[in-house]
Structure formats: C-alpha cells, structure tokens
C-alpha cells in the first residue's frame, strides 16, 4: 500500500464474484479502510446515479415519442442557468438528447452533460429517489458550474421536441424549497485554498458539496450491471434496453464507441480507465479485458469504481478505490499528485488484483459469453 496511507485517505473495496451451476453470481466483499462517514469529494462519480435516474425518469414519464433519442431543449428561469435551445443537427451525435448526454458522461466524464441531466431531474427528486433506493446519506446538490448553493436548488424548464420541432413534452423549472444539510456535519479540508487569484489561509468548506460514499457508488454500479443481485427496492426502474445501453457505454473507450464528438486523438483509449491503465495515453488495451467503470478527479481526490470482465482468462471482479493526493494541503491550486502518485497507484492496484483473480481458484469459472456477445 501507499506510504503514509493515512495522509492519502485510501479506501478500497474489492469484490470477488463466484458463479453457481446456473452462472448466477455471488458477491464476496473485502475492504481496506472503508468508512462511509469519511468524506471525500466524489467529483464525477455522481454522474452514474444521475444517468440512471435520467433513464428512469424517461420510463416513468411514458410520453409517446419521448425517449433517450428525443431532442431535449433547456430553458432558463433563475440565475446561473444556461440555455440549450432546440436544434436538429445533421449529425445525430451532436443532438441534445438524454442518450447523448449519458454517452458524454460515461465516455469522457463530460461536466456540461451532467449539468443538463441534473437540471432535467431537479435537486429534490434526485435525492429523494436515492434515499428510496437505499442511499439516504447521498447528497447530489450541485452542478459542475460556479453556481451558489441557492442557485443549485433551482433547475431549468425542460422541453422535448420531434426533429421537425413539434413539442412532445414540457415541464416547468423546479425548486427545492428546503435546503439539504450534510449528513456528515460540517466538512472542512486542507490548510488553505486558492480563490480569485489569492490564497485564503483557512480550510476549504465541502459542507454543501456533493456527497457519495464509496460503498454507495459501488452498490449503484452493481445494481446497474447485476440488477437481479440486489433487492427489488434497490433497482432503478430500467428496462433491458437501458441496461444494455449502460453496459456498452460503461466499458467502451471513446474510439470504440464511434461517437463522432470523440474521434480525435485527445480522447485516447485509457482516457477514463484509471484502475489498470492509469489514464496513460500510451497504454495498450489488453485483449479480452473489459472495464465497466465511472471515475472522479477533483480537489486532489482520485477515484475509480469498476467491474472487470476478462473473457480470455474467464475471471471477473469489482474494484473501487479512492485516494487523496494533495501534499501541500492547498485546495484549488492545481498542484495535485495525480500523475506522479495517484494514477500509477490505481494502475498498479487494478493490475495486481487482476493477476490475483486470474490465478484464484474458482469452483466454476464464469461464462461471460452473453456479456461479450451482447455488443
């Protein structure tokens, strides 16, 4: 493990998966220093539940013609809101749709796409539904934009249109009239932070920031990839097509996805694969290995929550990790040890667990044929 692991606030969840004679999975979890009450900034990890809730909302709306392919326009009704007017571009990948926003979130962790779905859902509905699903301490209360706490309680009016411009569905902007409080109390971090070009010599306050524990986001990923492994109360209201869509974009690299926005070399294969590949642009993908994951990188925190499926060695496992790499204790100065410490550690951790799983005795090796043939 890392030297000075207390300073790095390292948390790891390693989940072994064993199959029975009918190929049904059984999960055995091992943890290292996991503490749901130890705050870390989840950053883009919150995109996973928001994406699932957006698909769930479309299913619940059950409006003719309104689905993840339908063009969505975003209006404005309060400060700090930005519009996305209706347009029907020739390139369907550039259309403002729930499906394309989710692709952008899962393929390259796009922040603007997350904002649009946060606004589609509304602050209170997001958190009330997460509590119903068994995550009462989750708090998703912020856009990824410089909006104040009050402005984040207000979300935009939304409309859906046919490609010809016919209105299919509209809903007014929403407001959460009762502010959320932190389930962990007051949260402060570091010895100072940068703001407006100057150093503020006091801890940075995360009390009103997004909160999502490592066990919660791990359970959410499991519920999406293995819905039958969790209780009905923990399952998102998704259909089989939704699950197939999720599986594809959770593992696909920007180029594998053939999503036109990410055709450039800037979006290399390991762009969003921290565990095992360390986000190294020179990494060569291992044949037969798929990593279905969501990542976070912000304020010195680095996280990856993943399911590994190896068709050649016939092994699978889940692995989640978060660590803090901010040696100088200053927030928002951009001086984090992502490249020198965090990403190499995550790459080594994923590789080590994968090597162990290849050799670990299994009563029955998993049959991953259906998973790999689905795409």
Protein backbone atom coordinates (compact mmCIF):
# COMPACT_ATOMS: atom_id res chain seq x y z
CA UNK A 1 0.00 0.00 0.00
CA UNK A 2 0.96 3.66 -0.19
CA UNK A 3 3.38 5.05 2.34
CA UNK A 4 1.62 7.48 4.68
CA UNK A 5 -1.77 5.94 3.78
CA UNK A 6 -3.48 7.99 6.49
CA UNK A 7 -2.46 11.14 4.62
CA UNK A 8 -3.73 9.65 1.37
CA UNK A 9 -7.08 8.65 2.95
CA UNK A 10 -7.04 5.46 0.91
CA UNK A 11 -10.23 3.41 0.73
CA UNK A 12 -10.54 0.17 -1.28
CA UNK A 13 -13.45 -2.19 -1.93
CA UNK A 14 -12.56 -5.48 -3.67
CA UNK A 15 -15.48 -7.74 -4.52
CA UNK A 16 -14.91 -11.33 -5.59
CA UNK A 17 -17.55 -12.82 -7.86
CA UNK A 18 -18.21 -16.56 -7.93
CA UNK A 19 -20.78 -18.30 -10.10
CA UNK A 20 -23.08 -21.20 -9.30
CA UNK A 21 -24.03 -24.03 -11.65
CA UNK A 22 -26.60 -21.74 -13.33
CA UNK A 23 -23.95 -18.99 -13.77
CA UNK A 24 -25.62 -16.79 -11.15
CA UNK A 25 -23.13 -14.50 -9.40
CA UNK A 26 -22.34 -14.48 -5.69
CA UNK A 27 -20.51 -11.45 -4.31
CA UNK A 28 -17.93 -11.52 -1.50
CA UNK A 29 -16.65 -8.11 -0.44
CA UNK A 30 -13.28 -7.26 1.11
CA UNK A 31 -12.47 -3.73 2.26
CA UNK A 32 -9.48 -1.64 3.23
CA UNK A 33 -10.04 1.40 5.49
CA UNK A 34 -13.56 1.92 4.11
CA UNK A 35 -15.50 4.45 6.15
CA UNK A 36 -18.77 5.83 4.73
CA UNK A 37 -18.50 8.74 7.15
CA UNK A 38 -15.06 9.81 5.93
CA UNK A 39 -15.79 12.49 3.38
CA UNK A 40 -14.13 12.59 0.01
CA UNK A 41 -15.14 14.72 -2.93
CA UNK A 42 -16.93 12.29 -5.28
CA UNK A 43 -16.50 14.57 -8.30
CA UNK A 44 -17.74 12.73 -11.40
CA UNK A 45 -18.80 9.59 -9.52
CA UNK A 46 -22.18 11.31 -9.10
CA UNK A 47 -22.70 11.01 -12.85
CA UNK A 48 -23.51 7.32 -12.54
CA UNK A 49 -26.68 7.68 -10.40
CA UNK A 50 -27.74 10.81 -12.30
CA UNK A 51 -27.50 8.94 -15.61
CA UNK A 52 -29.54 6.04 -14.22
CA UNK A 53 -32.17 8.38 -12.76
CA UNK A 54 -32.49 10.23 -16.08
CA UNK A 55 -33.30 6.99 -17.93
CA UNK A 56 -35.65 6.01 -15.11
CA UNK A 57 -37.48 9.34 -15.38
CA UNK A 58 -37.99 8.86 -19.11
CA UNK A 59 -39.55 5.47 -18.40
CA UNK A 60 -41.75 6.93 -15.67
CA UNK A 61 -42.91 9.79 -17.93
CA UNK A 62 -44.08 7.26 -20.51
CA UNK A 63 -44.78 10.03 -23.06
CA UNK A 64 -45.19 8.98 -26.70
CA UNK A 65 -42.08 9.83 -28.68
CA UNK A 66 -40.07 10.88 -25.61
CA UNK A 67 -37.07 8.61 -25.07
CA UNK A 68 -33.31 8.86 -24.82
CA UNK A 69 -33.08 9.70 -28.54
CA UNK A 70 -35.53 12.62 -28.37
CA UNK A 71 -34.16 16.16 -28.68
CA UNK A 72 -34.26 17.99 -25.35
CA UNK A 73 -34.17 21.78 -25.02
CA UNK A 74 -33.18 23.51 -21.80
CA UNK A 75 -34.55 26.92 -20.88
CA UNK A 76 -33.69 29.38 -18.12
CA UNK A 77 -35.70 30.65 -15.15
CA UNK A 78 -33.18 31.65 -12.48
CA UNK A 79 -29.64 32.94 -12.10
CA UNK A 80 -26.72 30.74 -13.09
CA UNK A 81 -28.85 28.84 -15.59
CA UNK A 82 -27.72 28.46 -19.20
CA UNK A 83 -29.95 27.55 -22.16
CA UNK A 84 -29.71 24.82 -24.77
CA UNK A 85 -32.17 25.85 -27.50
CA UNK A 86 -33.85 23.36 -29.80
CA UNK A 87 -31.83 22.34 -32.82
CA UNK A 88 -31.86 19.25 -35.01
CA UNK A 89 -28.27 18.86 -36.28
CA UNK A 90 -27.48 16.62 -39.23
CA UNK A 91 -25.03 14.69 -37.05
CA UNK A 92 -27.26 12.89 -34.56
CA UNK A 93 -24.33 12.54 -32.13
CA UNK A 94 -24.45 16.31 -31.67
CA UNK A 95 -28.14 16.42 -30.79
CA UNK A 96 -29.06 17.41 -27.24
CA UNK A 97 -30.65 14.17 -26.07
CA UNK A 98 -30.63 12.29 -22.78
CA UNK A 99 -28.86 9.41 -24.51
CA UNK A 100 -26.11 11.63 -25.89
CA UNK A 101 -25.65 13.37 -22.56
CA UNK A 102 -25.19 9.98 -20.89
CA UNK A 103 -22.72 8.90 -23.57
CA UNK A 104 -20.71 12.06 -22.97
CA UNK A 105 -20.75 11.46 -19.21
CA UNK A 106 -19.75 7.80 -19.41
CA UNK A 107 -17.20 8.05 -22.23
CA UNK A 108 -15.22 11.13 -21.18
CA UNK A 109 -16.90 12.29 -17.93
CA UNK A 110 -18.34 15.44 -19.51
CA UNK A 111 -19.44 18.01 -16.91
CA UNK A 112 -21.85 20.04 -19.05
CA UNK A 113 -23.76 16.87 -19.94
CA UNK A 114 -24.11 16.13 -16.23
CA UNK A 115 -25.45 19.63 -15.61
CA UNK A 116 -28.16 19.15 -18.23
CA UNK A 117 -29.39 15.92 -16.62
CA UNK A 118 -29.15 17.36 -13.10
CA UNK A 119 -31.48 20.11 -14.36
CA UNK A 120 -33.79 17.62 -16.07
CA UNK A 121 -34.20 15.71 -12.82
CA UNK A 122 -34.27 18.51 -10.22
CA UNK A 123 -32.35 18.60 -6.95
CA UNK A 124 -35.01 17.23 -4.60
CA UNK A 125 -36.24 14.41 -6.88
CA UNK A 126 -32.65 13.17 -7.29
CA UNK A 127 -32.05 12.88 -3.57
CA UNK A 128 -35.49 11.59 -2.63
CA UNK A 129 -35.17 8.77 -5.16
CA UNK A 130 -31.67 7.88 -3.98
CA UNK A 131 -33.00 7.65 -0.42
CA UNK A 132 -35.77 5.32 -1.63
CA UNK A 133 -33.14 3.14 -3.30
CA UNK A 134 -31.26 2.78 -0.01
CA UNK A 135 -28.81 5.67 -0.17
CA UNK A 136 -30.16 8.14 2.44
CA UNK A 137 -26.76 9.76 3.01
CA UNK A 138 -26.13 10.54 -0.65
CA UNK A 139 -26.28 14.24 -1.47
CA UNK A 140 -26.25 15.40 -5.08
CA UNK A 141 -26.91 19.10 -4.76
CA UNK A 142 -24.57 20.84 -7.20
CA UNK A 143 -24.00 21.41 -10.86
CA UNK A 144 -20.41 21.38 -12.08
CA UNK A 145 -20.53 25.13 -12.55
CA UNK A 146 -19.78 28.19 -10.37
CA UNK A 147 -23.34 28.42 -9.02
CA UNK A 148 -24.02 29.25 -5.39
CA UNK A 149 -25.89 26.89 -3.08
CA UNK A 150 -29.24 28.64 -3.56
CA UNK A 151 -28.94 28.72 -7.35
CA UNK A 152 -28.30 24.97 -7.43
CA UNK A 153 -31.68 24.44 -5.75
CA UNK A 154 -33.33 25.93 -8.85
CA UNK A 155 -33.34 23.87 -12.03
CA UNK A 156 -34.33 24.76 -15.54
CA UNK A 157 -37.52 24.34 -17.57
CA UNK A 158 -37.19 21.42 -20.00
CA UNK A 159 -38.90 20.61 -23.30
CA UNK A 160 -38.72 17.64 -25.68
CA UNK A 161 -39.25 18.02 -29.44
CA UNK A 162 -39.53 15.92 -32.54
CA UNK A 163 -36.82 16.54 -35.15
CA UNK A 164 -39.40 18.64 -37.03
CA UNK A 165 -39.78 20.89 -33.98
CA UNK A 166 -43.13 19.61 -32.68
CA UNK A 167 -43.43 19.88 -28.89
CA UNK A 168 -43.78 16.44 -27.32
CA UNK A 169 -43.48 17.29 -23.63
CA UNK A 170 -42.72 20.30 -21.44
CA UNK A 171 -42.13 20.82 -17.74
CA UNK A 172 -41.54 23.99 -15.77
CA UNK A 173 -38.41 24.74 -13.81
CA UNK A 174 -38.21 23.22 -10.36
CA UNK A 175 -37.08 24.50 -6.98
CA UNK A 176 -36.13 22.63 -3.84
CA UNK A 177 -37.70 24.85 -1.18
CA UNK A 178 -35.98 23.08 1.74
CA UNK A 179 -32.17 23.13 1.57
CA UNK A 180 -30.34 19.87 2.16
CA UNK A 181 -27.97 19.57 5.08
CA UNK A 182 -24.84 17.46 5.15
CA UNK A 183 -25.36 14.03 6.78
CA UNK A 184 -21.72 14.22 7.92
CA UNK A 185 -21.95 17.64 9.57
CA UNK A 186 -19.54 20.44 8.78
CA UNK A 187 -16.82 19.35 6.35
CA UNK A 188 -13.56 21.25 6.01
CA UNK A 189 -10.38 20.20 4.28
CA UNK A 190 -6.81 21.41 3.89
CA UNK A 191 -4.88 24.31 5.37
CA UNK A 192 -5.92 26.80 2.68
CA UNK A 193 -7.33 27.28 -0.78
CA UNK A 194 -6.96 29.46 -3.84
CA UNK A 195 -9.81 31.83 -4.76
CA UNK A 196 -9.78 34.80 -7.10
CA UNK A 197 -6.03 34.54 -7.59
CA UNK A 198 -5.14 34.72 -3.90
CA UNK A 199 -4.51 32.26 -1.11
CA UNK A 200 -7.13 32.01 1.62
CA UNK A 201 -5.44 30.69 4.76
CA UNK A 202 -8.30 28.64 6.12
CA UNK A 203 -9.70 25.19 5.32
CA UNK A 204 -11.87 24.70 2.24
CA UNK A 205 -15.53 24.06 3.11
CA UNK A 206 -17.17 21.00 1.49
CA UNK A 207 -20.28 21.08 3.70
CA UNK A 208 -22.68 21.89 0.84
CA UNK A 209 -20.77 19.91 -1.80
CA UNK A 210 -21.95 16.68 -3.41
CA UNK A 211 -21.55 13.63 -1.17
CA UNK A 212 -21.50 9.98 -2.26
CA UNK A 213 -19.66 7.29 -0.31
CA UNK A 214 -17.53 4.60 -1.93
CA UNK A 215 -19.84 1.78 -0.74
CA UNK A 216 -22.88 3.61 -2.16
CA UNK A 217 -21.46 4.19 -5.64
CA UNK A 218 -20.13 0.61 -5.70
CA UNK A 219 -23.60 -0.68 -4.85
CA UNK A 220 -25.12 1.53 -7.56
CA UNK A 221 -22.77 0.12 -10.19
CA UNK A 222 -23.59 -3.43 -9.06
CA UNK A 223 -27.32 -2.70 -9.23
CA UNK A 224 -26.97 -1.45 -12.82
CA UNK A 225 -24.76 -4.28 -14.08
CA UNK A 226 -26.31 -7.07 -11.97
CA UNK A 227 -29.86 -5.92 -11.17
CA UNK A 228 -31.01 -9.38 -10.10
CA UNK A 229 -28.28 -9.45 -7.43
CA UNK A 230 -29.94 -6.69 -5.39
CA UNK A 231 -33.38 -6.46 -3.83
CA UNK A 232 -36.22 -5.07 -5.99
CA UNK A 233 -36.25 -1.96 -3.78
CA UNK A 234 -32.63 -1.21 -4.78
CA UNK A 235 -33.19 -1.48 -8.54
CA UNK A 236 -33.57 1.50 -10.83
CA UNK A 237 -36.68 1.32 -12.99
CA UNK A 238 -34.76 0.46 -16.15
CA UNK A 239 -35.68 -1.90 -18.96
CA UNK A 240 -33.42 -4.44 -20.69
CA UNK A 241 -32.53 -1.94 -23.42
CA UNK A 242 -31.49 0.61 -20.79
CA UNK A 243 -29.22 -1.95 -19.14
CA UNK A 244 -27.64 -2.91 -22.47
CA UNK A 245 -27.07 0.80 -23.24
CA UNK A 246 -25.42 1.29 -19.86
CA UNK A 247 -23.21 -1.77 -20.20
CA UNK A 248 -21.92 -0.65 -23.58
CA UNK A 249 -21.00 2.90 -22.64
CA UNK A 250 -19.61 1.99 -19.22
CA UNK A 251 -16.91 -0.15 -20.81
CA UNK A 252 -16.42 1.35 -24.30
CA UNK A 253 -13.49 3.66 -24.94
CA UNK A 254 -14.16 6.93 -26.79
CA UNK A 255 -12.96 5.39 -30.07
CA UNK A 256 -14.69 2.02 -29.60
CA UNK A 257 -17.96 3.87 -29.12
CA UNK A 258 -17.63 5.53 -32.55
CA UNK A 259 -19.17 8.66 -31.06
CA UNK A 260 -18.23 11.40 -33.50
CA UNK A 261 -17.50 14.03 -30.84
CA UNK A 262 -14.61 11.96 -29.51
CA UNK A 263 -12.89 10.83 -32.70
CA UNK A 264 -9.76 12.94 -32.09
CA UNK A 265 -6.57 11.55 -30.56
CA UNK A 266 -7.18 13.72 -27.50
CA UNK A 267 -9.60 11.07 -26.28
CA UNK A 268 -7.25 8.08 -26.05
CA UNK A 269 -8.43 4.60 -25.04
CA UNK A 270 -7.37 4.91 -21.39
CA UNK A 271 -8.88 8.39 -21.00
CA UNK A 272 -11.33 7.22 -18.31
CA UNK A 273 -9.69 3.99 -17.16
CA UNK A 274 -7.67 4.74 -14.03
CA UNK A 275 -7.60 1.29 -12.46
CA UNK A 276 -5.31 -0.96 -14.52
CA UNK A 277 -4.34 1.59 -17.22
CA UNK A 278 -3.68 4.66 -15.06
CA UNK A 279 -5.08 7.01 -17.72
CA UNK A 280 -1.85 6.53 -19.65
CA UNK A 281 -2.24 7.53 -23.33
CA UNK A 282 0.49 5.01 -24.26
CA UNK A 283 -1.35 2.07 -22.69
CA UNK A 284 -2.18 -0.85 -24.95
CA UNK A 285 -5.55 -2.42 -24.25
CA UNK A 286 -5.39 -6.00 -23.01
CA UNK A 287 -7.30 -8.34 -25.36
CA UNK A 288 -10.46 -9.72 -23.84
CA UNK A 289 -10.46 -7.38 -20.84
CA UNK A 290 -13.37 -5.01 -20.35
CA UNK A 291 -13.57 -2.46 -17.56
CA UNK A 292 -17.05 -1.06 -16.83
CA UNK A 293 -16.44 1.99 -14.69
CA UNK A 294 -17.02 5.53 -13.53
CA UNK A 295 -14.26 7.84 -12.27
CA UNK A 296 -13.74 11.01 -10.26
CA UNK A 297 -10.89 13.53 -10.21
CA UNK A 298 -11.24 16.78 -8.28
CA UNK A 299 -9.75 18.77 -5.37
CA UNK A 300 -6.94 16.23 -5.01
CA UNK A 301 -9.27 13.23 -4.80
CA UNK A 302 -8.91 10.45 -7.36
CA UNK A 303 -11.47 7.65 -7.56
CA UNK A 304 -12.45 4.75 -9.80
CA UNK A 305 -15.35 2.34 -9.33
CA UNK A 306 -15.18 -0.58 -11.73
CA UNK A 307 -16.28 -4.05 -12.77
CA UNK A 308 -13.63 -6.11 -14.60
CA UNK A 309 -14.62 -8.88 -17.03
CA UNK A 310 -11.85 -10.94 -18.67
CA UNK A 311 -13.16 -13.29 -21.37
CA UNK A 312 -9.77 -14.90 -22.13
CA UNK A 313 -8.90 -15.83 -18.54
CA UNK A 314 -12.56 -16.25 -17.57
CA UNK A 315 -12.48 -14.15 -14.45
CA UNK A 316 -14.38 -11.14 -13.13
CA UNK A 317 -14.39 -8.90 -10.09
CA UNK A 318 -15.37 -5.46 -8.86
CA UNK A 319 -12.84 -2.97 -7.55
CA UNK A 320 -13.38 0.52 -6.12
CA UNK A 321 -10.76 2.87 -4.76
CA UNK A 322 -10.34 6.48 -3.73
CA UNK A 323 -7.26 8.33 -2.51
CA UNK A 324 -6.21 11.88 -1.75
CA UNK A 325 -3.07 13.29 -3.36
CA UNK A 326 -2.57 16.86 -2.17
CA UNK A 327 0.76 17.06 -0.40
CA UNK A 328 0.80 20.84 0.11
CA UNK A 329 -2.68 20.88 1.68
CA UNK A 330 -3.85 23.73 -0.55
CA UNK A 331 -7.11 23.28 -2.45
CA UNK A 332 -7.82 24.67 -5.92
CA UNK A 333 -4.17 25.42 -6.69
CA UNK A 334 -3.93 22.68 -9.34
CA UNK A 335 -0.88 21.23 -7.58
CA UNK A 336 -2.08 17.68 -7.02
CA UNK A 337 -0.04 14.48 -7.41
CA UNK A 338 -2.44 12.81 -9.83
CA UNK A 339 0.22 11.82 -12.38
CA UNK A 340 3.10 11.07 -10.01
CA UNK A 341 1.25 9.22 -7.23
CA UNK A 342 -2.49 8.67 -7.71
CA UNK A 343 -2.83 7.28 -11.22
CA UNK A 344 0.22 4.98 -11.02
CA UNK A 345 -1.12 3.61 -7.73
CA UNK A 346 -4.56 2.90 -9.19
CA UNK A 347 -3.00 1.27 -12.26
CA UNK A 348 -0.87 -0.95 -10.07
CA UNK A 349 -3.79 -1.84 -7.81
CA UNK A 350 -6.02 -2.89 -10.69
CA UNK A 351 -3.24 -4.91 -12.29
CA UNK A 352 -2.40 -6.64 -9.00
CA UNK A 353 -6.00 -7.67 -8.30
CA UNK A 354 -6.47 -8.81 -11.90
CA UNK A 355 -3.35 -11.00 -11.69
CA UNK A 356 -4.65 -12.49 -8.46
CA UNK A 357 -8.07 -13.18 -9.95
CA UNK A 358 -6.55 -14.95 -12.96
CA UNK A 359 -4.86 -17.40 -10.57
CA UNK A 360 -7.51 -17.55 -7.84
CA UNK A 361 -9.13 -20.99 -7.63
CA UNK A 362 -12.74 -20.97 -8.78
CA UNK A 363 -15.14 -23.85 -8.33
CA UNK A 364 -16.69 -22.68 -11.59
CA UNK A 365 -15.26 -20.11 -13.96
CA UNK A 366 -17.81 -17.55 -15.14
CA UNK A 367 -19.45 -17.91 -18.52
CA UNK A 368 -19.12 -14.37 -19.92
CA UNK A 369 -20.28 -15.28 -23.43
CA UNK A 370 -23.61 -13.48 -23.20
CA UNK A 371 -21.95 -10.36 -21.82
CA UNK A 372 -19.41 -10.14 -24.63
CA UNK A 373 -21.77 -11.20 -27.42
CA UNK A 374 -24.33 -8.58 -26.38
CA UNK A 375 -22.16 -5.93 -28.05
